[in-house]
C-alpha atoms as a PDB file:
ATOM      1  CA  VAL A   1     -29.966 -80.210-156.982  1.00  0.00           C
ATOM      2  CA  GLN A   2     -30.778 -83.132-154.543  1.00  0.00           C
ATOM      3  CA  LEU A   3     -33.781 -85.297-154.437  1.00  0.00           C
ATOM      4  CA  VAL A   4     -34.330 -87.369-150.740  1.00  0.00           C
ATOM      5  CA  GLU A   5     -36.525 -90.055-151.011  1.00  0.00           C
ATOM      6  CA  SER A   6     -38.610 -91.102-147.906  1.00  0.00           C
ATOM      7  CA  GLY A   7     -41.179 -93.586-146.780  1.00  0.00           C
ATOM      8  CA  GLY A   8     -39.718 -97.347-146.930  1.00  0.00           C
ATOM      9  CA  GLY A   9     -39.437 -99.593-144.005  1.00  0.00           C
ATOM     10  CA  LEU A  10     -40.413-102.862-142.825  1.00  0.00           C
ATOM     11  CA  VAL A  11     -44.090-104.049-143.863  1.00  0.00           C
ATOM     12  CA  GLN A  12     -45.812-108.297-143.908  1.00  0.00           C
ATOM     13  CA  ALA A  13     -46.960-109.542-147.168  1.00  0.00           C
ATOM     14  CA  GLY A  14     -49.587-107.850-148.756  1.00  0.00           C
ATOM     15  CA  GLY A  15     -49.220-103.892-146.594  1.00  0.00           C
ATOM     16  CA  SER A  16     -49.094-101.087-148.237  1.00  0.00           C
ATOM     17  CA  LEU A  17     -46.042 -98.207-148.009  1.00  0.00           C
ATOM     18  CA  ARG A  18     -45.947 -95.194-149.888  1.00  0.00           C
ATOM     19  CA  LEU A  19     -42.503 -93.673-150.291  1.00  0.00           C
ATOM     20  CA  ALA A  20     -41.646 -90.335-151.475  1.00  0.00           C
ATOM     21  CA  CYS A  21     -39.485 -88.488-153.401  1.00  0.00           C
ATOM     22  CA  ALA A  22     -39.163 -84.545-152.616  1.00  0.00           C
ATOM     23  CA  ALA A  23     -36.746 -82.535-154.596  1.00  0.00           C
ATOM     24  CA  SER A  24     -34.726 -79.091-154.265  1.00  0.00           C
ATOM     25  CA  GLY A  25     -32.673 -77.155-156.840  1.00  0.00           C
ATOM     26  CA  LEU A  26     -35.425 -78.445-159.406  1.00  0.00           C
ATOM     27  CA  THR A  27     -38.956 -78.386-160.318  1.00  0.00           C
ATOM     28  CA  LEU A  28     -39.855 -82.477-160.712  1.00  0.00           C
ATOM     29  CA  SER A  29     -43.303 -81.139-163.270  1.00  0.00           C
ATOM     30  CA  SER A  30     -40.846 -80.611-165.321  1.00  0.00           C
ATOM     31  CA  TYR A  31     -38.799 -83.348-165.318  1.00  0.00           C
ATOM     32  CA  VAL A  32     -39.374 -87.382-165.980  1.00  0.00           C
ATOM     33  CA  VAL A  33     -39.438 -88.762-162.500  1.00  0.00           C
ATOM     34  CA  GLY A  34     -38.927 -92.968-162.466  1.00  0.00           C
ATOM     35  CA  TRP A  35     -38.475 -94.742-159.660  1.00  0.00           C
ATOM     36  CA  PHE A  36     -36.269 -97.676-159.214  1.00  0.00           C
ATOM     37  CA  ARG A  37     -35.445-100.253-157.664  1.00  0.00           C
ATOM     38  CA  GLN A  38     -32.144-102.560-156.709  1.00  0.00           C
ATOM     39  CA  THR A  39     -31.374-105.836-154.898  1.00  0.00           C
ATOM     40  CA  PRO A  40     -27.558-107.399-154.122  1.00  0.00           C
ATOM     41  CA  GLY A  41     -26.207-108.373-157.458  1.00  0.00           C
ATOM     42  CA  LYS A  42     -28.634-106.794-159.917  1.00  0.00           C
ATOM     43  CA  GLU A  43     -28.390-103.958-161.860  1.00  0.00           C
ATOM     44  CA  ARG A  44     -31.267-100.718-161.249  1.00  0.00           C
ATOM     45  CA  GLU A  45     -34.583-101.909-163.136  1.00  0.00           C
ATOM     46  CA  LEU A  46     -37.319 -98.909-163.938  1.00  0.00           C
ATOM     47  CA  VAL A  47     -40.068 -99.927-161.426  1.00  0.00           C
ATOM     48  CA  ALA A  48     -42.749 -97.124-162.543  1.00  0.00           C
ATOM     49  CA  ALA A  49     -41.644 -93.670-164.285  1.00  0.00           C
ATOM     50  CA  ILE A  50     -44.473 -90.234-164.985  1.00  0.00           C
ATOM     51  CA  THR A  51     -43.691 -87.710-167.496  1.00  0.00           C
ATOM     52  CA  SER A  52     -43.553 -83.831-167.436  1.00  0.00           C
ATOM     53  CA  GLY A  53     -47.047 -84.113-169.289  1.00  0.00           C
ATOM     54  CA  GLY A  54     -48.514 -86.581-166.236  1.00  0.00           C
ATOM     55  CA  SER A  55     -47.968 -89.782-168.146  1.00  0.00           C
ATOM     56  CA  THR A  56     -47.215 -92.690-166.670  1.00  0.00           C
ATOM     57  CA  ASN A  57     -45.426 -96.038-167.147  1.00  0.00           C
ATOM     58  CA  TYR A  58     -44.870 -99.772-165.205  1.00  0.00           C
ATOM     59  CA  ILE A  59     -43.319-102.608-165.383  1.00  0.00           C
ATOM     60  CA  ASP A  60     -45.402-105.547-165.537  1.00  0.00           C
ATOM     61  CA  SER A  61     -45.043-107.029-162.052  1.00  0.00           C
ATOM     62  CA  VAL A  62     -46.551-103.948-160.460  1.00  0.00           C
ATOM     63  CA  LYS A  63     -48.858-103.161-162.596  1.00  0.00           C
ATOM     64  CA  GLY A  64     -52.416-102.733-160.620  1.00  0.00           C
ATOM     65  CA  ARG A  65     -50.747-102.971-157.214  1.00  0.00           C
ATOM     66  CA  PHE A  66     -48.197 -99.662-157.413  1.00  0.00           C
ATOM     67  CA  THR A  67     -49.389 -95.879-158.087  1.00  0.00           C
ATOM     68  CA  ILE A  68     -46.817 -93.028-158.834  1.00  0.00           C
ATOM     69  CA  SER A  69     -48.352 -89.827-159.025  1.00  0.00           C
ATOM     70  CA  ARG A  70     -46.955 -85.942-158.684  1.00  0.00           C
ATOM     71  CA  ASP A  71     -47.992 -83.230-155.842  1.00  0.00           C
ATOM     72  CA  ASN A  72     -46.674 -80.024-158.577  1.00  0.00           C
ATOM     73  CA  ALA A  73     -47.470 -77.613-154.943  1.00  0.00           C
ATOM     74  CA  GLU A  74     -44.767 -80.132-152.725  1.00  0.00           C
ATOM     75  CA  ASN A  75     -42.868 -80.504-155.594  1.00  0.00           C
ATOM     76  CA  THR A  76     -42.669 -84.145-154.657  1.00  0.00           C
ATOM     77  CA  VAL A  77     -43.471 -87.713-156.432  1.00  0.00           C
ATOM     78  CA  TYR A  78     -44.524 -90.879-154.666  1.00  0.00           C
ATOM     79  CA  LEU A  79     -45.323 -94.429-155.203  1.00  0.00           C
ATOM     80  CA  GLN A  80     -47.882 -96.195-153.347  1.00  0.00           C
ATOM     81  CA  MET A  81     -47.540 -99.352-153.755  1.00  0.00           C
ATOM     82  CA  ASN A  82     -49.863-102.208-152.593  1.00  0.00           C
ATOM     83  CA  SER A  83     -50.391-105.416-151.890  1.00  0.00           C
ATOM     84  CA  LEU A  84     -46.532-105.773-151.431  1.00  0.00           C
ATOM     85  CA  LYS A  85     -45.096-109.576-151.591  1.00  0.00           C
ATOM     86  CA  PRO A  86     -41.489-110.290-150.851  1.00  0.00           C
ATOM     87  CA  ASP A  87     -39.786-109.889-153.617  1.00  0.00           C
ATOM     88  CA  ASP A  88     -40.368-106.614-154.255  1.00  0.00           C
ATOM     89  CA  THR A  89     -37.727-106.155-150.799  1.00  0.00           C
ATOM     90  CA  ALA A  90     -35.012-103.633-152.550  1.00  0.00           C
ATOM     91  CA  VAL A  91     -33.096-100.932-152.196  1.00  0.00           C
ATOM     92  CA  TYR A  92     -36.239 -97.652-154.124  1.00  0.00           C
ATOM     93  CA  TYR A  93     -34.295 -94.507-155.875  1.00  0.00           C
ATOM     94  CA  CYS A  94     -36.026 -91.933-157.077  1.00  0.00           C
ATOM     95  CA  ALA A  95     -34.271 -90.373-160.009  1.00  0.00           C
ATOM     96  CA  ALA A  96     -35.321 -87.991-162.323  1.00  0.00           C
ATOM     97  CA  ARG A  97     -34.033 -86.229-166.357  1.00  0.00           C
ATOM     98  CA  ARG A  98     -35.774 -83.166-168.619  1.00  0.00           C
ATOM     99  CA  TYR A  99     -36.205 -85.626-171.281  1.00  0.00           C
ATOM    100  CA  PHE A 100     -38.632 -88.715-172.216  1.00  0.00           C
ATOM    101  CA  ASP A 101     -37.339 -90.513-175.074  1.00  0.00           C
ATOM    102  CA  SER A 102     -37.342 -94.457-176.174  1.00  0.00           C
ATOM    103  CA  THR A 103     -34.848 -94.317-173.230  1.00  0.00           C
ATOM    104  CA  TYR A 104     -36.520 -93.609-169.890  1.00  0.00           C
ATOM    105  CA  VAL A 105     -35.824 -97.463-168.874  1.00  0.00           C
ATOM    106  CA  SER A 106     -32.100 -96.873-168.091  1.00  0.00           C
ATOM    107  CA  ALA A 107     -30.381 -95.934-165.293  1.00  0.00           C
ATOM    108  CA  ASN A 108     -27.239 -94.584-166.454  1.00  0.00           C
ATOM    109  CA  ARG A 109     -29.242 -92.213-168.193  1.00  0.00           C
ATOM    110  CA  TYR A 110     -30.825 -90.537-165.052  1.00  0.00           C
ATOM    111  CA  PRO A 111     -28.709 -87.688-163.718  1.00  0.00           C
ATOM    112  CA  TYR A 112     -30.243 -86.687-160.586  1.00  0.00           C
ATOM    113  CA  TRP A 113     -30.115 -89.222-158.051  1.00  0.00           C
ATOM    114  CA  GLY A 114     -31.970 -90.129-154.517  1.00  0.00           C
ATOM    115  CA  GLN A 115     -29.803 -91.688-151.895  1.00  0.00           C
ATOM    116  CA  GLY A 116     -32.436 -94.540-151.579  1.00  0.00           C
ATOM    117  CA  THR A 117     -35.411 -95.852-149.326  1.00  0.00           C
ATOM    118  CA  LEU A 118     -35.157 -99.544-148.079  1.00  0.00           C
ATOM    119  CA  VAL A 119     -38.255-101.091-148.799  1.00  0.00           C
ATOM    120  CA  THR A 120     -38.291-105.050-146.686  1.00  0.00           C
ATOM    121  CA  VAL A 121     -41.315-107.077-147.176  1.00  0.00           C
ATOM    122  CA  SER A 122     -41.844-110.128-144.883  1.00  0.00           C
ATOM    123  CA  SER A 123     -43.722-112.884-145.709  1.00  0.00           C
END
C-alpha cells in the first residue's frame, strides 16, 4: 500500500493550491480518507475527511475555503485549498482507514499514510 501526496508549495495569502493523494495497493473509494496537517511541536490535526459514501467533514477553520473530493477513476483524493492564510502553513498528509466511526478525527487510527507535502502561505 502506498499513498503519495503532491501539490504543495509556496503561495501568497489569498491564493490557492490543490493537493492530490494518489493511492496504489488499495481502492480509496472503499476507505475513509483524511487530510491531516502538522506544524512543528504540534500534533497532527484532521483538516478534512471523505467517507466511502462520499460524505465530507471539515474542521471549522477551513469550512468554506477547502474542499475534499475523490476521483474514483484516478484512485486519487484531492484537497482544494482556496483563500489560503498564513495559519494554513503546515505539512499536509493524506491517510486512509477502512471504516468510519467517531474516531475518524484521530491520526493514530489511520494505518496508511503518505509522506507529506509542505504548504507554505506567505503573508
